[in-house]
């Protein structure tokens, strides 16, 4: 994949992202293009100071071409709403843009992406973030944190902590909505509240940055 955008590119971010997403539709950098229905590029506000990044699309996302739909998407929207945020305020994408899956018992089932698949998709992620230039990134799950913050990220120990990243001045990791949905009882309630708290912390970090950089977009 060629480097689409130079530092001198003054086109609107929305136009640049749209062009990048169009190119991604024909990507064959890894074997996932054989089984995908759609490239799940990203959705939201290209001017957003806050970007949420998950691991990769599942079956619902592959079918619709949109990140975080189905139960996980509805749950994420609920947590965002608790902080006064909607999808129009942020940008959402994944570390990889195609569903990682394998045939099992005659049908495709989700699986974790391989290191090679993540590496192959890295240029799409990097050019997305290069275009948006977010001030804050919230990683959803440790695979995202491994790509954005540092390798061997330990989400049970490092969740909710701020880190500097080459992709944004402030990066944090929280639980992935799909993980929380698998929990029950008090564990579910605790993890949900922690995700809400982390989203709120990201929102406050944007507001703090706005005071220091008046031109920064706000919610």
C-alpha atoms as a PDB file:
ATOM      1  CA  UNK A   1       0.000   0.000   0.000  1.00  0.00           C
ATOM      2  CA  UNK A   2       1.360   3.389  -0.944  1.00  0.00           C
ATOM      3  CA  UNK A   3       1.564   6.336   1.411  1.00  0.00           C
ATOM      4  CA  UNK A   4      -1.561   8.244   0.398  1.00  0.00           C
ATOM      5  CA  UNK A   5      -1.089  11.402   2.348  1.00  0.00           C
ATOM      6  CA  UNK A   6       1.886  13.688   2.647  1.00  0.00           C
ATOM      7  CA  UNK A   7       2.271  16.311   5.354  1.00  0.00           C
ATOM      8  CA  UNK A   8       1.375  18.901   2.725  1.00  0.00           C
ATOM      9  CA  UNK A   9      -2.016  17.337   2.007  1.00  0.00           C
ATOM     10  CA  UNK A  10      -4.552  20.010   2.956  1.00  0.00           C
ATOM     11  CA  UNK A  11      -7.716  18.187   1.910  1.00  0.00           C
ATOM     12  CA  UNK A  12     -10.434  17.773   4.543  1.00  0.00           C
ATOM     13  CA  UNK A  13      -9.890  14.808   6.823  1.00  0.00           C
ATOM     14  CA  UNK A  14     -13.239  13.344   5.762  1.00  0.00           C
ATOM     15  CA  UNK A  15     -12.128  13.291   2.132  1.00  0.00           C
ATOM     16  CA  UNK A  16      -8.781  11.753   2.949  1.00  0.00           C
ATOM     17  CA  UNK A  17     -10.348   9.046   5.122  1.00  0.00           C
ATOM     18  CA  UNK A  18     -12.931   8.267   2.443  1.00  0.00           C
ATOM     19  CA  UNK A  19     -10.169   7.764  -0.108  1.00  0.00           C
ATOM     20  CA  UNK A  20      -8.233   5.576   2.276  1.00  0.00           C
ATOM     21  CA  UNK A  21     -11.322   3.480   3.021  1.00  0.00           C
ATOM     22  CA  UNK A  22     -11.972   3.037  -0.698  1.00  0.00           C
ATOM     23  CA  UNK A  23      -8.455   1.736  -1.246  1.00  0.00           C
ATOM     24  CA  UNK A  24      -8.817  -0.638   1.699  1.00  0.00           C
ATOM     25  CA  UNK A  25     -11.750  -2.357  -0.026  1.00  0.00           C
ATOM     26  CA  UNK A  26      -9.345  -4.024  -2.449  1.00  0.00           C
ATOM     27  CA  UNK A  27      -6.660  -4.915   0.113  1.00  0.00           C
ATOM     28  CA  UNK A  28      -5.212  -8.419  -0.234  1.00  0.00           C
ATOM     29  CA  UNK A  29      -2.202  -8.000   2.057  1.00  0.00           C
ATOM     30  CA  UNK A  30      -3.184 -11.080   4.101  1.00  0.00           C
ATOM     31  CA  UNK A  31      -5.365 -14.143   3.622  1.00  0.00           C
ATOM     32  CA  UNK A  32      -8.373 -12.616   5.384  1.00  0.00           C
ATOM     33  CA  UNK A  33      -9.541 -11.099   2.111  1.00  0.00           C
ATOM     34  CA  UNK A  34     -10.584 -14.601   1.022  1.00  0.00           C
ATOM     35  CA  UNK A  35     -13.286 -14.906   3.705  1.00  0.00           C
ATOM     36  CA  UNK A  36     -14.394 -11.330   4.367  1.00  0.00           C
ATOM     37  CA  UNK A  37     -17.755  -9.992   3.259  1.00  0.00           C
ATOM     38  CA  UNK A  38     -16.764  -6.368   3.888  1.00  0.00           C
ATOM     39  CA  UNK A  39     -13.727  -4.381   4.939  1.00  0.00           C
ATOM     40  CA  UNK A  40     -14.684  -2.748   8.240  1.00  0.00           C
ATOM     41  CA  UNK A  41     -12.704   0.456   7.996  1.00  0.00           C
ATOM     42  CA  UNK A  42     -14.091   2.808  10.649  1.00  0.00           C
ATOM     43  CA  UNK A  43     -16.913   5.179  11.438  1.00  0.00           C
ATOM     44  CA  UNK A  44     -17.465   8.493  13.172  1.00  0.00           C
ATOM     45  CA  UNK A  45     -16.176  12.038  13.186  1.00  0.00           C
ATOM     46  CA  UNK A  46     -12.885  12.531  11.281  1.00  0.00           C
ATOM     47  CA  UNK A  47     -12.263  15.677  13.336  1.00  0.00           C
ATOM     48  CA  UNK A  48     -12.704  13.842  16.623  1.00  0.00           C
ATOM     49  CA  UNK A  49     -10.101  14.410  19.347  1.00  0.00           C
ATOM     50  CA  UNK A  50     -10.983  10.963  20.760  1.00  0.00           C
ATOM     51  CA  UNK A  51     -10.584   7.650  18.920  1.00  0.00           C
ATOM     52  CA  UNK A  52     -11.735   4.267  20.247  1.00  0.00           C
ATOM     53  CA  UNK A  53      -9.893   1.234  18.881  1.00  0.00           C
ATOM     54  CA  UNK A  54     -10.899  -2.417  19.229  1.00  0.00           C
ATOM     55  CA  UNK A  55      -9.211  -5.594  18.030  1.00  0.00           C
ATOM     56  CA  UNK A  56     -11.150  -6.527  14.908  1.00  0.00           C
ATOM     57  CA  UNK A  57     -14.580  -7.064  13.373  1.00  0.00           C
ATOM     58  CA  UNK A  58     -16.783 -10.026  14.135  1.00  0.00           C
ATOM     59  CA  UNK A  59     -19.620 -11.571  12.149  1.00  0.00           C
ATOM     60  CA  UNK A  60     -22.045  -8.663  12.563  1.00  0.00           C
ATOM     61  CA  UNK A  61     -19.390  -6.130  11.639  1.00  0.00           C
ATOM     62  CA  UNK A  62     -18.294  -8.176   8.634  1.00  0.00           C
ATOM     63  CA  UNK A  63     -21.912  -8.322   7.421  1.00  0.00           C
ATOM     64  CA  UNK A  64     -22.575  -4.593   7.796  1.00  0.00           C
ATOM     65  CA  UNK A  65     -19.130  -3.109   7.157  1.00  0.00           C
ATOM     66  CA  UNK A  66     -19.435  -1.093  10.402  1.00  0.00           C
ATOM     67  CA  UNK A  67     -17.411  -1.471  13.622  1.00  0.00           C
ATOM     68  CA  UNK A  68     -19.054  -2.339  16.935  1.00  0.00           C
ATOM     69  CA  UNK A  69     -22.566  -3.348  15.944  1.00  0.00           C
ATOM     70  CA  UNK A  70     -24.791  -6.031  17.425  1.00  0.00           C
ATOM     71  CA  UNK A  71     -24.771  -6.611  21.189  1.00  0.00           C
ATOM     72  CA  UNK A  72     -21.272  -5.230  21.684  1.00  0.00           C
ATOM     73  CA  UNK A  73     -22.123  -2.096  19.754  1.00  0.00           C
ATOM     74  CA  UNK A  74     -25.328  -1.460  21.663  1.00  0.00           C
ATOM     75  CA  UNK A  75     -23.486  -2.001  24.932  1.00  0.00           C
ATOM     76  CA  UNK A  76     -20.725   0.402  23.906  1.00  0.00           C
ATOM     77  CA  UNK A  77     -23.304   3.008  22.895  1.00  0.00           C
ATOM     78  CA  UNK A  78     -24.927   2.649  26.324  1.00  0.00           C
ATOM     79  CA  UNK A  79     -21.595   3.263  28.072  1.00  0.00           C
ATOM     80  CA  UNK A  80     -20.832   6.233  25.824  1.00  0.00           C
ATOM     81  CA  UNK A  81     -24.271   7.709  26.528  1.00  0.00           C
ATOM     82  CA  UNK A  82     -23.601   7.501  30.271  1.00  0.00           C
ATOM     83  CA  UNK A  83     -20.748   9.967  29.637  1.00  0.00           C
ATOM     84  CA  UNK A  84     -22.759  12.258  27.355  1.00  0.00           C
ATOM     85  CA  UNK A  85     -21.018  10.973  24.215  1.00  0.00           C
ATOM     86  CA  UNK A  86     -22.453   9.654  20.958  1.00  0.00           C
ATOM     87  CA  UNK A  87     -20.719   8.198  17.921  1.00  0.00           C
ATOM     88  CA  UNK A  88     -20.870  11.535  16.151  1.00  0.00           C
ATOM     89  CA  UNK A  89     -18.439  12.874  18.760  1.00  0.00           C
ATOM     90  CA  UNK A  90     -15.737  10.221  18.252  1.00  0.00           C
ATOM     91  CA  UNK A  91     -14.119   7.959  15.680  1.00  0.00           C
ATOM     92  CA  UNK A  92     -14.204   4.162  16.072  1.00  0.00           C
ATOM     93  CA  UNK A  93     -12.055   1.599  14.301  1.00  0.00           C
ATOM     94  CA  UNK A  94     -10.152  -1.640  14.908  1.00  0.00           C
ATOM     95  CA  UNK A  95      -6.559  -2.785  14.772  1.00  0.00           C
ATOM     96  CA  UNK A  96      -7.459  -5.037  11.821  1.00  0.00           C
ATOM     97  CA  UNK A  97     -10.094  -4.231   9.211  1.00  0.00           C
ATOM     98  CA  UNK A  98     -11.201  -7.737   8.175  1.00  0.00           C
ATOM     99  CA  UNK A  99     -12.849 -10.460  10.226  1.00  0.00           C
ATOM    100  CA  UNK A 100     -10.402 -13.058  11.521  1.00  0.00           C
ATOM    101  CA  UNK A 101     -12.233 -16.358  11.236  1.00  0.00           C
ATOM    102  CA  UNK A 102     -11.814 -20.022  10.401  1.00  0.00           C
ATOM    103  CA  UNK A 103     -14.092 -22.814   9.263  1.00  0.00           C
ATOM    104  CA  UNK A 104     -15.249 -24.984  12.135  1.00  0.00           C
ATOM    105  CA  UNK A 105     -18.019 -27.555  11.917  1.00  0.00           C
ATOM    106  CA  UNK A 106     -18.892 -26.302   8.454  1.00  0.00           C
ATOM    107  CA  UNK A 107     -19.203 -22.607   9.266  1.00  0.00           C
ATOM    108  CA  UNK A 108     -17.008 -19.587   9.879  1.00  0.00           C
ATOM    109  CA  UNK A 109     -16.211 -18.799  13.508  1.00  0.00           C
ATOM    110  CA  UNK A 110     -14.321 -15.854  14.958  1.00  0.00           C
ATOM    111  CA  UNK A 111     -10.719 -16.347  16.058  1.00  0.00           C
ATOM    112  CA  UNK A 112      -7.945 -14.038  17.293  1.00  0.00           C
ATOM    113  CA  UNK A 113      -5.958 -12.479  14.441  1.00  0.00           C
ATOM    114  CA  UNK A 114      -2.423 -13.729  13.920  1.00  0.00           C
ATOM    115  CA  UNK A 115       0.620 -11.519  14.421  1.00  0.00           C
ATOM    116  CA  UNK A 116       1.166 -11.532  10.654  1.00  0.00           C
ATOM    117  CA  UNK A 117      -2.425 -10.385  10.018  1.00  0.00           C
ATOM    118  CA  UNK A 118      -2.029  -7.542  12.507  1.00  0.00           C
ATOM    119  CA  UNK A 119       1.243  -6.535  10.865  1.00  0.00           C
ATOM    120  CA  UNK A 120      -0.304  -6.619   7.400  1.00  0.00           C
ATOM    121  CA  UNK A 121      -3.126  -4.321   8.519  1.00  0.00           C
ATOM    122  CA  UNK A 122      -0.913  -1.903  10.453  1.00  0.00           C
ATOM    123  CA  UNK A 123      -0.501   0.588   7.565  1.00  0.00           C
ATOM    124  CA  UNK A 124      -4.283   1.117   7.434  1.00  0.00           C
ATOM    125  CA  UNK A 125      -4.395   1.816  11.166  1.00  0.00           C
ATOM    126  CA  UNK A 126      -1.392   4.115  11.048  1.00  0.00           C
ATOM    127  CA  UNK A 127      -2.682   6.166   8.119  1.00  0.00           C
ATOM    128  CA  UNK A 128      -6.102   6.425   9.755  1.00  0.00           C
ATOM    129  CA  UNK A 129      -4.559   7.872  12.916  1.00  0.00           C
ATOM    130  CA  UNK A 130      -2.138   9.999  10.911  1.00  0.00           C
ATOM    131  CA  UNK A 131      -5.147  11.564   9.204  1.00  0.00           C
ATOM    132  CA  UNK A 132      -7.304  12.113  12.299  1.00  0.00           C
ATOM    133  CA  UNK A 133      -4.426  13.042  14.627  1.00  0.00           C
ATOM    134  CA  UNK A 134      -6.406  12.342  17.809  1.00  0.00           C
ATOM    135  CA  UNK A 135      -5.438  13.826  21.123  1.00  0.00           C
ATOM    136  CA  UNK A 136      -6.740  10.828  23.094  1.00  0.00           C
ATOM    137  CA  UNK A 137      -7.001   7.136  22.209  1.00  0.00           C
ATOM    138  CA  UNK A 138      -9.021   4.647  24.253  1.00  0.00           C
ATOM    139  CA  UNK A 139      -8.024   1.065  23.477  1.00  0.00           C
ATOM    140  CA  UNK A 140     -10.751  -1.509  23.996  1.00  0.00           C
ATOM    141  CA  UNK A 141      -9.059  -4.730  25.048  1.00  0.00           C
ATOM    142  CA  UNK A 142      -5.427  -5.792  25.378  1.00  0.00           C
ATOM    143  CA  UNK A 143      -4.859  -6.597  21.657  1.00  0.00           C
ATOM    144  CA  UNK A 144      -5.569  -2.966  20.841  1.00  0.00           C
ATOM    145  CA  UNK A 145      -3.357  -1.802  23.699  1.00  0.00           C
ATOM    146  CA  UNK A 146      -0.549  -4.032  22.409  1.00  0.00           C
ATOM    147  CA  UNK A 147      -0.700  -2.202  19.082  1.00  0.00           C
ATOM    148  CA  UNK A 148      -1.165   1.334  20.425  1.00  0.00           C
ATOM    149  CA  UNK A 149       0.504   1.507  23.843  1.00  0.00           C
ATOM    150  CA  UNK A 150       3.116  -1.245  24.243  1.00  0.00           C
ATOM    151  CA  UNK A 151       3.654  -4.937  23.646  1.00  0.00           C
ATOM    152  CA  UNK A 152       2.630  -7.484  26.299  1.00  0.00           C
ATOM    153  CA  UNK A 153       0.105  -5.063  27.755  1.00  0.00           C
ATOM    154  CA  UNK A 154      -1.474  -6.483  30.920  1.00  0.00           C
ATOM    155  CA  UNK A 155      -5.012  -5.197  30.948  1.00  0.00           C
ATOM    156  CA  UNK A 156      -5.856  -6.505  34.412  1.00  0.00           C
ATOM    157  CA  UNK A 157      -2.962  -4.480  35.857  1.00  0.00           C
ATOM    158  CA  UNK A 158      -2.617  -1.532  33.455  1.00  0.00           C
ATOM    159  CA  UNK A 159      -6.225  -0.697  32.621  1.00  0.00           C
ATOM    160  CA  UNK A 160      -7.201   2.888  33.320  1.00  0.00           C
ATOM    161  CA  UNK A 161      -3.648   4.254  33.286  1.00  0.00           C
ATOM    162  CA  UNK A 162      -2.463   6.981  30.926  1.00  0.00           C
ATOM    163  CA  UNK A 163       0.426   6.398  28.540  1.00  0.00           C
ATOM    164  CA  UNK A 164       2.101   8.432  25.835  1.00  0.00           C
ATOM    165  CA  UNK A 165       1.808   6.841  22.404  1.00  0.00           C
ATOM    166  CA  UNK A 166       3.317   7.674  19.030  1.00  0.00           C
ATOM    167  CA  UNK A 167      -0.279   7.854  17.789  1.00  0.00           C
ATOM    168  CA  UNK A 168      -1.605  10.323  20.391  1.00  0.00           C
ATOM    169  CA  UNK A 169      -0.353  12.303  23.396  1.00  0.00           C
ATOM    170  CA  UNK A 170      -2.644  10.334  25.698  1.00  0.00           C
ATOM    171  CA  UNK A 171      -3.616   6.669  25.403  1.00  0.00           C
ATOM    172  CA  UNK A 172      -5.466   4.408  27.822  1.00  0.00           C
ATOM    173  CA  UNK A 173      -6.871   0.882  27.705  1.00  0.00           C
ATOM    174  CA  UNK A 174     -10.149  -0.442  29.064  1.00  0.00           C
ATOM    175  CA  UNK A 175     -12.197  -3.617  28.823  1.00  0.00           C
ATOM    176  CA  UNK A 176     -13.613  -4.671  25.479  1.00  0.00           C
ATOM    177  CA  UNK A 177     -17.443  -4.604  25.471  1.00  0.00           C
ATOM    178  CA  UNK A 178     -17.594  -8.224  24.262  1.00  0.00           C
ATOM    179  CA  UNK A 179     -15.556  -9.301  27.287  1.00  0.00           C
ATOM    180  CA  UNK A 180     -17.871  -7.496  29.688  1.00  0.00           C
ATOM    181  CA  UNK A 181     -20.923  -9.094  28.084  1.00  0.00           C
ATOM    182  CA  UNK A 182     -19.516 -12.535  28.884  1.00  0.00           C
ATOM    183  CA  UNK A 183     -19.353 -11.696  32.595  1.00  0.00           C
ATOM    184  CA  UNK A 184     -22.205 -12.163  35.043  1.00  0.00           C
ATOM    185  CA  UNK A 185     -23.428 -10.630  38.264  1.00  0.00           C
ATOM    186  CA  UNK A 186     -21.102  -8.374  40.226  1.00  0.00           C
ATOM    187  CA  UNK A 187     -18.206  -8.993  37.832  1.00  0.00           C
ATOM    188  CA  UNK A 188     -20.296  -7.679  34.930  1.00  0.00           C
ATOM    189  CA  UNK A 189     -21.476  -4.620  36.871  1.00  0.00           C
ATOM    190  CA  UNK A 190     -17.955  -3.798  38.056  1.00  0.00           C
ATOM    191  CA  UNK A 191     -16.369  -4.109  34.608  1.00  0.00           C
ATOM    192  CA  UNK A 192     -19.159  -2.051  33.032  1.00  0.00           C
ATOM    193  CA  UNK A 193     -18.660   0.754  35.535  1.00  0.00           C
ATOM    194  CA  UNK A 194     -14.913   0.640  34.947  1.00  0.00           C
ATOM    195  CA  UNK A 195     -15.448   1.044  31.200  1.00  0.00           C
ATOM    196  CA  UNK A 196     -17.761   3.992  31.823  1.00  0.00           C
ATOM    197  CA  UNK A 197     -15.190   5.513  34.181  1.00  0.00           C
ATOM    198  CA  UNK A 198     -12.458   5.118  31.561  1.00  0.00           C
ATOM    199  CA  UNK A 199     -14.608   6.724  28.858  1.00  0.00           C
ATOM    200  CA  UNK A 200     -15.331   9.599  31.230  1.00  0.00           C
ATOM    201  CA  UNK A 201     -11.614   9.951  31.972  1.00  0.00           C
ATOM    202  CA  UNK A 202     -10.945  10.142  28.222  1.00  0.00           C
ATOM    203  CA  UNK A 203     -13.654  12.798  27.865  1.00  0.00           C
ATOM    204  CA  UNK A 204     -12.117  14.862  30.657  1.00  0.00           C
ATOM    205  CA  UNK A 205      -8.683  14.516  29.101  1.00  0.00           C
ATOM    206  CA  UNK A 206     -10.054  16.035  25.890  1.00  0.00           C
ATOM    207  CA  UNK A 207     -11.620  18.910  27.834  1.00  0.00           C
ATOM    208  CA  UNK A 208      -8.310  19.555  29.619  1.00  0.00           C
ATOM    209  CA  UNK A 209      -6.484  19.566  26.306  1.00  0.00           C
ATOM    210  CA  UNK A 210      -9.055  22.004  24.894  1.00  0.00           C
ATOM    211  CA  UNK A 211      -8.086  24.548  27.539  1.00  0.00           C
ATOM    212  CA  UNK A 212      -4.453  24.259  26.425  1.00  0.00           C
ATOM    213  CA  UNK A 213      -5.190  24.140  22.677  1.00  0.00           C
ATOM    214  CA  UNK A 214      -8.212  26.341  21.876  1.00  0.00           C
ATOM    215  CA  UNK A 215      -8.474  25.081  18.273  1.00  0.00           C
ATOM    216  CA  UNK A 216      -8.953  21.471  19.402  1.00  0.00           C
ATOM    217  CA  UNK A 217     -12.409  20.061  18.629  1.00  0.00           C
ATOM    218  CA  UNK A 218     -14.648  19.362  21.600  1.00  0.00           C
ATOM    219  CA  UNK A 219     -17.654  17.165  22.279  1.00  0.00           C
END
